[in-house]
C-alpha atoms as a PDB file:
ATOM      1  CA  MET A   1      12.044  -1.750  29.088  1.00  0.00           C
ATOM      2  CA  ALA A   2       9.516  -0.198  31.450  1.00  0.00           C
ATOM      3  CA  ARG A   3       5.819  -0.149  30.669  1.00  0.00           C
ATOM      4  CA  LYS A   4       4.280   3.182  29.689  1.00  0.00           C
ATOM      5  CA  SER A   5       1.744   4.744  32.020  1.00  0.00           C
ATOM      6  CA  SER A   6      -1.776   5.529  30.819  1.00  0.00           C
ATOM      7  CA  ALA A   7      -0.902   9.237  30.959  1.00  0.00           C
ATOM      8  CA  GLU A   8       2.075   8.630  28.669  1.00  0.00           C
ATOM      9  CA  LEU A   9      -0.047   6.628  26.247  1.00  0.00           C
ATOM     10  CA  SER A  10      -2.752   9.316  26.091  1.00  0.00           C
ATOM     11  CA  VAL A  11      -0.350  11.967  24.749  1.00  0.00           C
ATOM     12  CA  VAL A  12      -0.088  12.194  20.986  1.00  0.00           C
ATOM     13  CA  PRO A  13       3.560  12.687  19.987  1.00  0.00           C
ATOM     14  CA  ILE A  14       4.252  15.685  17.756  1.00  0.00           C
ATOM     15  CA  GLY A  15       6.162  15.219  14.526  1.00  0.00           C
ATOM     16  CA  THR A  16       5.230  11.609  13.905  1.00  0.00           C
ATOM     17  CA  ALA A  17       2.781  12.329  11.097  1.00  0.00           C
ATOM     18  CA  VAL A  18       2.881   9.807   8.303  1.00  0.00           C
ATOM     19  CA  HIS A  19       3.257  11.327   4.862  1.00  0.00           C
ATOM     20  CA  ARG A  20       1.741   9.790   1.766  1.00  0.00           C
ATOM     21  CA  LEU A  21       4.125   8.363  -0.795  1.00  0.00           C
ATOM     22  CA  SER A  22       4.709  10.830  -3.644  1.00  0.00           C
ATOM     23  CA  PRO A  23       4.786   9.730  -7.284  1.00  0.00           C
ATOM     24  CA  PRO A  24       8.245   9.264  -8.758  1.00  0.00           C
ATOM     25  CA  PRO A  25       9.366  11.847 -11.334  1.00  0.00           C
ATOM     26  CA  SER A  26       9.607   9.107 -13.976  1.00  0.00           C
ATOM     27  CA  LEU A  27       5.790   8.955 -14.264  1.00  0.00           C
ATOM     28  CA  ILE A  28       4.033  11.068 -16.857  1.00  0.00           C
ATOM     29  CA  LYS A  29       1.180  13.378 -15.812  1.00  0.00           C
ATOM     30  CA  GLU A  30      -1.612  10.827 -16.376  1.00  0.00           C
ATOM     31  CA  GLU A  31       0.272   8.090 -14.513  1.00  0.00           C
ATOM     32  CA  ALA A  32       1.004  10.451 -11.607  1.00  0.00           C
ATOM     33  CA  ALA A  33      -2.717  11.277 -11.431  1.00  0.00           C
ATOM     34  CA  VAL A  34      -3.537   7.551 -11.138  1.00  0.00           C
ATOM     35  CA  TRP A  35      -0.864   7.285  -8.422  1.00  0.00           C
ATOM     36  CA  GLU A  36      -2.422  10.137  -6.437  1.00  0.00           C
ATOM     37  CA  ASP A  37      -5.914   8.655  -6.813  1.00  0.00           C
ATOM     38  CA  VAL A  38      -4.802   5.210  -5.611  1.00  0.00           C
ATOM     39  CA  VAL A  39      -2.721   6.509  -2.703  1.00  0.00           C
ATOM     40  CA  ALA A  40      -5.624   8.697  -1.578  1.00  0.00           C
ATOM     41  CA  THR A  41      -7.899   5.639  -1.249  1.00  0.00           C
ATOM     42  CA  LYS A  42      -5.692   3.945   1.351  1.00  0.00           C
ATOM     43  CA  PRO A  43      -4.449   4.882   4.823  1.00  0.00           C
ATOM     44  CA  ALA A  44      -1.400   7.170   4.768  1.00  0.00           C
ATOM     45  CA  ASP A  45       0.994   4.388   5.765  1.00  0.00           C
ATOM     46  CA  TRP A  46      -0.403   1.752   3.354  1.00  0.00           C
ATOM     47  CA  PHE A  47       2.304   2.302   0.730  1.00  0.00           C
ATOM     48  CA  GLN A  48       5.966   2.285   1.735  1.00  0.00           C
ATOM     49  CA  ALA A  49       9.045   2.922  -0.405  1.00  0.00           C
ATOM     50  CA  ASP A  50       9.399  -0.804  -1.080  1.00  0.00           C
ATOM     51  CA  SER A  51       6.012  -0.927  -2.839  1.00  0.00           C
ATOM     52  CA  ALA A  52       6.691   2.157  -5.007  1.00  0.00           C
ATOM     53  CA  PRO A  53       8.028   0.218  -8.048  1.00  0.00           C
ATOM     54  CA  ILE A  54       4.947  -2.021  -8.152  1.00  0.00           C
ATOM     55  CA  LEU A  55       2.632   0.957  -7.705  1.00  0.00           C
ATOM     56  CA  ALA A  56       4.439   2.777 -10.529  1.00  0.00           C
ATOM     57  CA  GLU A  57       3.968  -0.231 -12.827  1.00  0.00           C
ATOM     58  CA  TYR A  58       0.313  -0.398 -11.815  1.00  0.00           C
ATOM     59  CA  CYS A  59      -0.137   3.264 -12.803  1.00  0.00           C
ATOM     60  CA  ARG A  60       1.654   2.755 -16.129  1.00  0.00           C
ATOM     61  CA  ALA A  61      -0.484  -0.287 -16.900  1.00  0.00           C
ATOM     62  CA  VAL A  62      -3.728   1.552 -16.066  1.00  0.00           C
ATOM     63  CA  VAL A  63      -2.870   4.462 -18.362  1.00  0.00           C
ATOM     64  CA  MET A  64      -1.697   2.185 -21.179  1.00  0.00           C
ATOM     65  CA  SER A  65      -4.841   0.067 -20.882  1.00  0.00           C
ATOM     66  CA  GLU A  66      -6.981   3.206 -21.189  1.00  0.00           C
ATOM     67  CA  ARG A  67      -5.020   4.380 -24.231  1.00  0.00           C
ATOM     68  CA  LEU A  68      -5.399   0.997 -25.890  1.00  0.00           C
ATOM     69  CA  SER A  69      -9.144   1.132 -25.198  1.00  0.00           C
ATOM     70  CA  TYR A  70      -9.358   4.481 -27.008  1.00  0.00           C
ATOM     71  CA  MET A  71      -7.371   3.052 -29.923  1.00  0.00           C
ATOM     72  CA  ILE A  72      -9.717   0.044 -30.080  1.00  0.00           C
ATOM     73  CA  GLN A  73     -12.767   2.313 -30.121  1.00  0.00           C
ATOM     74  CA  ALA A  74     -11.256   4.416 -32.905  1.00  0.00           C
ATOM     75  CA  SER A  75     -10.414   1.284 -34.881  1.00  0.00           C
ATOM     76  CA  MET A  76     -13.935  -0.103 -34.487  1.00  0.00           C
ATOM     77  CA  LEU A  77     -15.448   3.193 -35.640  1.00  0.00           C
ATOM     78  CA  GLY A  78     -13.186   3.216 -38.688  1.00  0.00           C
ATOM     79  CA  GLU A  79     -11.438   6.409 -37.622  1.00  0.00           C
ATOM     80  CA  VAL A  80      -7.956   4.886 -38.027  1.00  0.00           C
ATOM     81  CA  GLU A  81      -6.753   3.544 -41.360  1.00  0.00           C
ATOM     82  CA  ASP A  82      -3.180   2.618 -40.519  1.00  0.00           C
ATOM     83  CA  GLY A  83      -1.607   1.253 -37.359  1.00  0.00           C
ATOM     84  CA  PRO A  84      -2.027  -2.007 -35.490  1.00  0.00           C
ATOM     85  CA  SER A  85      -4.922  -4.285 -36.387  1.00  0.00           C
ATOM     86  CA  LEU A  86      -7.916  -4.586 -34.082  1.00  0.00           C
ATOM     87  CA  LYS A  87      -6.786  -8.091 -33.168  1.00  0.00           C
ATOM     88  CA  ASP A  88      -3.333  -6.804 -32.152  1.00  0.00           C
ATOM     89  CA  LEU A  89      -4.850  -3.947 -30.131  1.00  0.00           C
ATOM     90  CA  LEU A  90      -7.149  -6.346 -28.286  1.00  0.00           C
ATOM     91  CA  LYS A  91      -4.201  -8.620 -27.516  1.00  0.00           C
ATOM     92  CA  MET A  92      -2.166  -5.689 -26.175  1.00  0.00           C
ATOM     93  CA  ARG A  93      -5.055  -4.443 -24.036  1.00  0.00           C
ATOM     94  CA  ASP A  94      -5.570  -7.929 -22.650  1.00  0.00           C
ATOM     95  CA  ALA A  95      -1.907  -8.051 -21.593  1.00  0.00           C
ATOM     96  CA  GLU A  96      -2.158  -4.627 -19.952  1.00  0.00           C
ATOM     97  CA  SER A  97      -5.359  -5.631 -18.168  1.00  0.00           C
ATOM     98  CA  ARG A  98      -3.563  -8.646 -16.732  1.00  0.00           C
ATOM     99  CA  ARG A  99      -0.738  -6.366 -15.545  1.00  0.00           C
ATOM    100  CA  VAL A 100      -3.287  -4.087 -13.857  1.00  0.00           C
ATOM    101  CA  MET A 101      -4.902  -7.028 -12.081  1.00  0.00           C
ATOM    102  CA  THR A 102      -1.596  -8.597 -11.034  1.00  0.00           C
ATOM    103  CA  CYS A 103      -0.123  -5.364  -9.686  1.00  0.00           C
ATOM    104  CA  GLY A 104      -3.417  -4.447  -8.009  1.00  0.00           C
ATOM    105  CA  THR A 105      -3.518  -7.808  -6.259  1.00  0.00           C
ATOM    106  CA  LYS A 106       0.116  -7.553  -5.164  1.00  0.00           C
ATOM    107  CA  LEU A 107      -0.582  -4.098  -3.739  1.00  0.00           C
ATOM    108  CA  ARG A 108      -3.700  -5.490  -2.015  1.00  0.00           C
ATOM    109  CA  LEU A 109      -5.988  -3.037  -3.807  1.00  0.00           C
ATOM    110  CA  THR A 110      -8.638  -5.573  -4.769  1.00  0.00           C
ATOM    111  CA  GLN A 111     -11.562  -6.978  -2.789  1.00  0.00           C
ATOM    112  CA  GLN A 112      -9.934 -10.404  -3.114  1.00  0.00           C
ATOM    113  CA  ALA A 113      -7.020  -9.198  -0.994  1.00  0.00           C
ATOM    114  CA  ARG A 114      -9.299  -7.885   1.767  1.00  0.00           C
ATOM    115  CA  TYR A 115     -11.308 -11.001   2.524  1.00  0.00           C
ATOM    116  CA  THR A 116     -10.575 -14.596   3.401  1.00  0.00           C
ATOM    117  CA  PRO A 117     -12.667 -17.074   1.393  1.00  0.00           C
ATOM    118  CA  GLN A 118     -14.866 -17.646   4.448  1.00  0.00           C
ATOM    119  CA  ALA A 119     -15.430 -13.926   5.075  1.00  0.00           C
ATOM    120  CA  SER A 120     -16.161 -13.437   1.378  1.00  0.00           C
ATOM    121  CA  ALA A 121     -18.779 -16.185   1.431  1.00  0.00           C
ATOM    122  CA  THR A 122     -20.405 -14.638   4.512  1.00  0.00           C
ATOM    123  CA  ALA A 123     -20.469 -11.170   2.915  1.00  0.00           C
ATOM    124  CA  ASP A 124     -21.946 -12.668  -0.260  1.00  0.00           C
ATOM    125  CA  ARG A 125     -24.727 -14.411   1.667  1.00  0.00           C
ATOM    126  CA  LYS A 126     -25.540 -11.233   3.593  1.00  0.00           C
ATOM    127  CA  ALA A 127     -25.569  -9.082   0.449  1.00  0.00           C
ATOM    128  CA  GLY A 128     -28.520 -10.972  -0.995  1.00  0.00           C
ATOM    129  CA  LYS A 129     -30.777 -10.490   2.010  1.00  0.00           C
ATOM    130  CA  ALA A 130     -32.938  -7.414   2.332  1.00  0.00           C
ATOM    131  CA  LEU A 131     -33.059  -5.867   5.760  1.00  0.00           C
ATOM    132  CA  PRO A 132     -36.570  -6.079   7.228  1.00  0.00           C
ATOM    133  CA  TRP A 133     -36.748  -2.387   8.078  1.00  0.00           C
ATOM    134  CA  LEU A 134     -35.810  -1.434   4.490  1.00  0.00           C
ATOM    135  CA  GLN A 135     -38.446  -3.613   2.792  1.00  0.00           C
ATOM    136  CA  LYS A 136     -41.349  -1.860   1.103  1.00  0.00           C
ATOM    137  CA  GLU A 137     -44.762  -2.584   2.455  1.00  0.00           C
ATOM    138  CA  SER A 138     -47.272  -4.038   0.016  1.00  0.00           C
END
């Protein structure tokens, strides 16, 4: 295969735009909103069709975790007399939180997925230092 000239490389091809992955119709409105929010935070080609099932589960887990949090708040305020016990609600929310974290890590959404341990340590050391030109004068 012949090498492309610099003139050929400088031309942007038309019709090669990458489209963002759309939420599947199986998601409810709240889950689809989470999907749109997550997809919007990444480059257009970050999510491919093969990652759609994991992203869908991530969205379901986020929404369920939020719902369980509301149920826990209502239970703690005494607004709910029947239904699952506070202990059961906390256990369910803990399971959903783990699903959120697992799916988020698999999709490389977390800070952990972006840094090697060495780069993370370097960023942590730099974060604690104030820049000289931003320090207040006494």
